[in-house]
């Protein structure tokens, strides 16, 4: 293949589709008469085009207007969310679990404020203080909130000799 063949091979597709200007078309035809290699390339290109055309012709034509009508019909035939919910709630088994959930929710709403409003359990506590003269203990009870006070003497100190 020569550089002329490369140039002609590049233009063969446009030649088949009748897209070349008359001057270019006549150059390609003149070269094809003299070059068997370019003739084979043209024949292969024609066969490829025919195969593609045959494959595409087997497919049915698409009626886009009809397709759009089908799409619109499917869009408008779908139930709205409210229609779906109404149909779901109309089922017989829906109301038993829904009632149970509602009852639990009501119990939580009514009982949680009562539970949280109860005061925390006050416990009795003891405090102890030591001094030189003795020990003092104070007990404050949770029920009466009145303190009980014990005063204890210190044990006698041993003298070291």
C-alpha atoms as a PDB file:
ATOM      1  CA  UNK A   1       0.000   0.000   0.000  1.00  0.00           C
ATOM      2  CA  UNK A   2       1.201   3.437  -0.853  1.00  0.00           C
ATOM      3  CA  UNK A   3       0.503   6.773   0.751  1.00  0.00           C
ATOM      4  CA  UNK A   4      -2.117   7.345  -1.983  1.00  0.00           C
ATOM      5  CA  UNK A   5      -3.820   4.096  -0.899  1.00  0.00           C
ATOM      6  CA  UNK A   6      -3.822   5.288   2.705  1.00  0.00           C
ATOM      7  CA  UNK A   7      -5.474   8.527   1.634  1.00  0.00           C
ATOM      8  CA  UNK A   8      -8.090   6.716  -0.505  1.00  0.00           C
ATOM      9  CA  UNK A   9      -8.834   4.129   2.219  1.00  0.00           C
ATOM     10  CA  UNK A  10      -9.484   7.012   4.612  1.00  0.00           C
ATOM     11  CA  UNK A  11     -12.073   8.441   2.157  1.00  0.00           C
ATOM     12  CA  UNK A  12     -13.860   5.155   1.252  1.00  0.00           C
ATOM     13  CA  UNK A  13     -16.602   5.504   3.857  1.00  0.00           C
ATOM     14  CA  UNK A  14     -17.494   8.989   2.656  1.00  0.00           C
ATOM     15  CA  UNK A  15     -17.363   7.670  -0.925  1.00  0.00           C
ATOM     16  CA  UNK A  16     -19.915   4.935  -0.112  1.00  0.00           C
ATOM     17  CA  UNK A  17     -22.213   7.454   1.541  1.00  0.00           C
ATOM     18  CA  UNK A  18     -21.924   9.873  -1.438  1.00  0.00           C
ATOM     19  CA  UNK A  19     -20.537  12.578   0.793  1.00  0.00           C
ATOM     20  CA  UNK A  20     -17.444  13.446  -1.262  1.00  0.00           C
ATOM     21  CA  UNK A  21     -17.299  16.483  -3.543  1.00  0.00           C
ATOM     22  CA  UNK A  22     -17.257  15.625  -7.265  1.00  0.00           C
ATOM     23  CA  UNK A  23     -13.514  16.266  -7.666  1.00  0.00           C
ATOM     24  CA  UNK A  24     -12.626  13.931  -4.738  1.00  0.00           C
ATOM     25  CA  UNK A  25     -15.128  11.352  -5.929  1.00  0.00           C
ATOM     26  CA  UNK A  26     -13.539  11.178  -9.374  1.00  0.00           C
ATOM     27  CA  UNK A  27     -10.040  10.791  -7.814  1.00  0.00           C
ATOM     28  CA  UNK A  28     -11.259   7.866  -5.661  1.00  0.00           C
ATOM     29  CA  UNK A  29     -12.965   6.177  -8.641  1.00  0.00           C
ATOM     30  CA  UNK A  30      -9.848   6.540 -10.793  1.00  0.00           C
ATOM     31  CA  UNK A  31      -7.679   5.012  -8.076  1.00  0.00           C
ATOM     32  CA  UNK A  32     -10.132   2.164  -7.453  1.00  0.00           C
ATOM     33  CA  UNK A  33      -9.964   1.147 -11.169  1.00  0.00           C
ATOM     34  CA  UNK A  34      -6.203   0.714 -10.915  1.00  0.00           C
ATOM     35  CA  UNK A  35      -5.765  -0.625  -7.314  1.00  0.00           C
ATOM     36  CA  UNK A  36      -7.046  -4.135  -6.391  1.00  0.00           C
ATOM     37  CA  UNK A  37      -6.111  -3.617  -2.707  1.00  0.00           C
ATOM     38  CA  UNK A  38      -8.359  -0.584  -2.378  1.00  0.00           C
ATOM     39  CA  UNK A  39     -11.105  -2.450  -4.305  1.00  0.00           C
ATOM     40  CA  UNK A  40     -10.968  -5.230  -1.657  1.00  0.00           C
ATOM     41  CA  UNK A  41     -11.157  -2.598   1.115  1.00  0.00           C
ATOM     42  CA  UNK A  42     -14.200  -1.065  -0.577  1.00  0.00           C
ATOM     43  CA  UNK A  43     -15.889  -4.484  -0.878  1.00  0.00           C
ATOM     44  CA  UNK A  44     -15.253  -5.227   2.852  1.00  0.00           C
ATOM     45  CA  UNK A  45     -16.687  -1.840   3.779  1.00  0.00           C
ATOM     46  CA  UNK A  46     -19.802  -2.487   1.606  1.00  0.00           C
ATOM     47  CA  UNK A  47     -20.337  -5.897   3.277  1.00  0.00           C
ATOM     48  CA  UNK A  48     -20.011  -4.349   6.733  1.00  0.00           C
ATOM     49  CA  UNK A  49     -22.532  -1.645   5.853  1.00  0.00           C
ATOM     50  CA  UNK A  50     -24.968  -4.231   4.483  1.00  0.00           C
ATOM     51  CA  UNK A  51     -24.664  -6.375   7.628  1.00  0.00           C
ATOM     52  CA  UNK A  52     -25.342  -3.398   9.843  1.00  0.00           C
ATOM     53  CA  UNK A  53     -28.312  -2.311   7.705  1.00  0.00           C
ATOM     54  CA  UNK A  54     -29.746  -5.859   7.811  1.00  0.00           C
ATOM     55  CA  UNK A  55     -29.343  -6.044  11.595  1.00  0.00           C
ATOM     56  CA  UNK A  56     -31.049  -2.696  12.058  1.00  0.00           C
ATOM     57  CA  UNK A  57     -33.898  -3.493   9.664  1.00  0.00           C
ATOM     58  CA  UNK A  58     -34.872  -6.597  11.677  1.00  0.00           C
ATOM     59  CA  UNK A  59     -35.773  -4.437  14.655  1.00  0.00           C
ATOM     60  CA  UNK A  60     -39.328  -3.110  14.701  1.00  0.00           C
ATOM     61  CA  UNK A  61     -39.781   0.624  14.408  1.00  0.00           C
ATOM     62  CA  UNK A  62     -40.503   2.374  17.676  1.00  0.00           C
ATOM     63  CA  UNK A  63     -43.668   4.417  17.883  1.00  0.00           C
ATOM     64  CA  UNK A  64     -42.525   7.111  20.287  1.00  0.00           C
ATOM     65  CA  UNK A  65     -45.987   8.682  20.595  1.00  0.00           C
ATOM     66  CA  UNK A  66     -47.461   5.351  21.697  1.00  0.00           C
ATOM     67  CA  UNK A  67     -44.534   4.740  24.057  1.00  0.00           C
ATOM     68  CA  UNK A  68     -45.075   8.134  25.711  1.00  0.00           C
ATOM     69  CA  UNK A  69     -48.810   7.445  26.083  1.00  0.00           C
ATOM     70  CA  UNK A  70     -47.970   4.154  27.827  1.00  0.00           C
ATOM     71  CA  UNK A  71     -45.566   5.915  30.181  1.00  0.00           C
ATOM     72  CA  UNK A  72     -48.134   8.583  31.063  1.00  0.00           C
ATOM     73  CA  UNK A  73     -50.810   5.948  31.638  1.00  0.00           C
ATOM     74  CA  UNK A  74     -48.514   4.061  34.023  1.00  0.00           C
ATOM     75  CA  UNK A  75     -47.640   7.240  35.889  1.00  0.00           C
ATOM     76  CA  UNK A  76     -51.264   8.245  36.351  1.00  0.00           C
ATOM     77  CA  UNK A  77     -52.436   4.742  37.175  1.00  0.00           C
ATOM     78  CA  UNK A  78     -50.223   4.503  40.261  1.00  0.00           C
ATOM     79  CA  UNK A  79     -52.051   5.183  43.518  1.00  0.00           C
ATOM     80  CA  UNK A  80     -51.080   8.222  45.532  1.00  0.00           C
ATOM     81  CA  UNK A  81     -49.476   7.740  48.924  1.00  0.00           C
ATOM     82  CA  UNK A  82     -52.802   8.515  50.609  1.00  0.00           C
ATOM     83  CA  UNK A  83     -54.624   5.907  48.545  1.00  0.00           C
ATOM     84  CA  UNK A  84     -51.915   3.402  49.417  1.00  0.00           C
ATOM     85  CA  UNK A  85     -52.182   4.210  53.145  1.00  0.00           C
ATOM     86  CA  UNK A  86     -55.974   4.020  53.068  1.00  0.00           C
ATOM     87  CA  UNK A  87     -55.816   0.585  51.422  1.00  0.00           C
ATOM     88  CA  UNK A  88     -53.175  -0.554  53.912  1.00  0.00           C
ATOM     89  CA  UNK A  89     -55.261   0.552  56.891  1.00  0.00           C
ATOM     90  CA  UNK A  90     -58.356  -1.155  55.471  1.00  0.00           C
ATOM     91  CA  UNK A  91     -56.709  -4.555  55.884  1.00  0.00           C
ATOM     92  CA  UNK A  92     -58.181  -6.555  58.789  1.00  0.00           C
ATOM     93  CA  UNK A  93     -54.869  -7.340  60.490  1.00  0.00           C
ATOM     94  CA  UNK A  94     -53.731  -3.725  60.632  1.00  0.00           C
ATOM     95  CA  UNK A  95     -55.706  -2.435  63.599  1.00  0.00           C
ATOM     96  CA  UNK A  96     -54.672  -5.027  66.233  1.00  0.00           C
ATOM     97  CA  UNK A  97     -50.933  -4.221  66.171  1.00  0.00           C
ATOM     98  CA  UNK A  98     -51.685  -0.531  65.602  1.00  0.00           C
ATOM     99  CA  UNK A  99     -53.928  -0.512  68.695  1.00  0.00           C
ATOM    100  CA  UNK A 100     -51.247  -2.257  70.745  1.00  0.00           C
ATOM    101  CA  UNK A 101     -48.626   0.277  69.684  1.00  0.00           C
ATOM    102  CA  UNK A 102     -51.030   3.121  70.465  1.00  0.00           C
ATOM    103  CA  UNK A 103     -51.773   1.709  73.925  1.00  0.00           C
ATOM    104  CA  UNK A 104     -48.070   1.382  74.739  1.00  0.00           C
ATOM    105  CA  UNK A 105     -47.459   4.922  73.530  1.00  0.00           C
ATOM    106  CA  UNK A 106     -50.293   6.244  75.729  1.00  0.00           C
ATOM    107  CA  UNK A 107     -48.929   4.401  78.760  1.00  0.00           C
ATOM    108  CA  UNK A 108     -45.487   5.865  78.172  1.00  0.00           C
ATOM    109  CA  UNK A 109     -46.895   9.369  77.769  1.00  0.00           C
ATOM    110  CA  UNK A 110     -48.962   9.076  80.960  1.00  0.00           C
ATOM    111  CA  UNK A 111     -46.562   7.124  83.178  1.00  0.00           C
ATOM    112  CA  UNK A 112     -43.186   8.690  82.429  1.00  0.00           C
ATOM    113  CA  UNK A 113     -44.043  12.094  83.937  1.00  0.00           C
ATOM    114  CA  UNK A 114     -45.347  10.377  87.092  1.00  0.00           C
ATOM    115  CA  UNK A 115     -42.258   8.203  87.348  1.00  0.00           C
ATOM    116  CA  UNK A 116     -39.895  11.139  86.927  1.00  0.00           C
ATOM    117  CA  UNK A 117     -41.780  13.387  89.383  1.00  0.00           C
ATOM    118  CA  UNK A 118     -41.237  11.044  92.343  1.00  0.00           C
ATOM    119  CA  UNK A 119     -38.544  12.335  94.662  1.00  0.00           C
ATOM    120  CA  UNK A 120     -35.427  10.263  94.909  1.00  0.00           C
ATOM    121  CA  UNK A 121     -35.220   8.085  97.986  1.00  0.00           C
ATOM    122  CA  UNK A 122     -33.514   9.996 100.802  1.00  0.00           C
ATOM    123  CA  UNK A 123     -31.251   7.852 102.842  1.00  0.00           C
ATOM    124  CA  UNK A 124     -30.188   8.366 106.413  1.00  0.00           C
ATOM    125  CA  UNK A 125     -26.675   9.587 106.837  1.00  0.00           C
ATOM    126  CA  UNK A 126     -24.263   9.833 109.738  1.00  0.00           C
ATOM    127  CA  UNK A 127     -21.647  12.468 110.332  1.00  0.00           C
ATOM    128  CA  UNK A 128     -18.908  12.162 112.919  1.00  0.00           C
ATOM    129  CA  UNK A 129     -16.658  14.796 114.476  1.00  0.00           C
ATOM    130  CA  UNK A 130     -13.795  14.139 116.894  1.00  0.00           C
ATOM    131  CA  UNK A 131     -12.455  16.691 119.337  1.00  0.00           C
ATOM    132  CA  UNK A 132     -10.174  16.826 122.438  1.00  0.00           C
ATOM    133  CA  UNK A 133     -13.046  16.282 124.817  1.00  0.00           C
ATOM    134  CA  UNK A 134     -14.880  13.545 122.939  1.00  0.00           C
ATOM    135  CA  UNK A 135     -16.578  12.390 119.860  1.00  0.00           C
ATOM    136  CA  UNK A 136     -19.893  13.669 118.473  1.00  0.00           C
ATOM    137  CA  UNK A 137     -22.017  11.679 116.002  1.00  0.00           C
ATOM    138  CA  UNK A 138     -25.082  13.055 114.238  1.00  0.00           C
ATOM    139  CA  UNK A 139     -27.686  10.859 112.492  1.00  0.00           C
ATOM    140  CA  UNK A 140     -30.315  12.444 110.317  1.00  0.00           C
ATOM    141  CA  UNK A 141     -33.119  10.070 109.322  1.00  0.00           C
ATOM    142  CA  UNK A 142     -34.929  10.181 106.018  1.00  0.00           C
ATOM    143  CA  UNK A 143     -38.426   9.903 107.511  1.00  0.00           C
ATOM    144  CA  UNK A 144     -38.381  12.540 110.199  1.00  0.00           C
ATOM    145  CA  UNK A 145     -35.475  14.701 109.073  1.00  0.00           C
ATOM    146  CA  UNK A 146     -34.733  15.302 112.758  1.00  0.00           C
ATOM    147  CA  UNK A 147     -31.176  14.803 113.851  1.00  0.00           C
ATOM    148  CA  UNK A 148     -30.153  12.401 116.603  1.00  0.00           C
ATOM    149  CA  UNK A 149     -26.986  13.457 118.383  1.00  0.00           C
ATOM    150  CA  UNK A 150     -24.646  11.208 120.402  1.00  0.00           C
ATOM    151  CA  UNK A 151     -21.878  12.586 122.489  1.00  0.00           C
ATOM    152  CA  UNK A 152     -19.264  10.054 123.510  1.00  0.00           C
ATOM    153  CA  UNK A 153     -16.384  10.568 125.828  1.00  0.00           C
ATOM    154  CA  UNK A 154     -12.895   9.902 124.702  1.00  0.00           C
ATOM    155  CA  UNK A 155     -11.198   6.947 126.313  1.00  0.00           C
ATOM    156  CA  UNK A 156      -8.604   7.961 128.877  1.00  0.00           C
ATOM    157  CA  UNK A 157      -5.190   8.445 127.441  1.00  0.00           C
ATOM    158  CA  UNK A 158      -2.439   6.207 128.635  1.00  0.00           C
ATOM    159  CA  UNK A 159       0.501   7.899 130.178  1.00  0.00           C
ATOM    160  CA  UNK A 160       3.854   7.015 128.838  1.00  0.00           C
ATOM    161  CA  UNK A 161       6.634   6.645 131.324  1.00  0.00           C
END
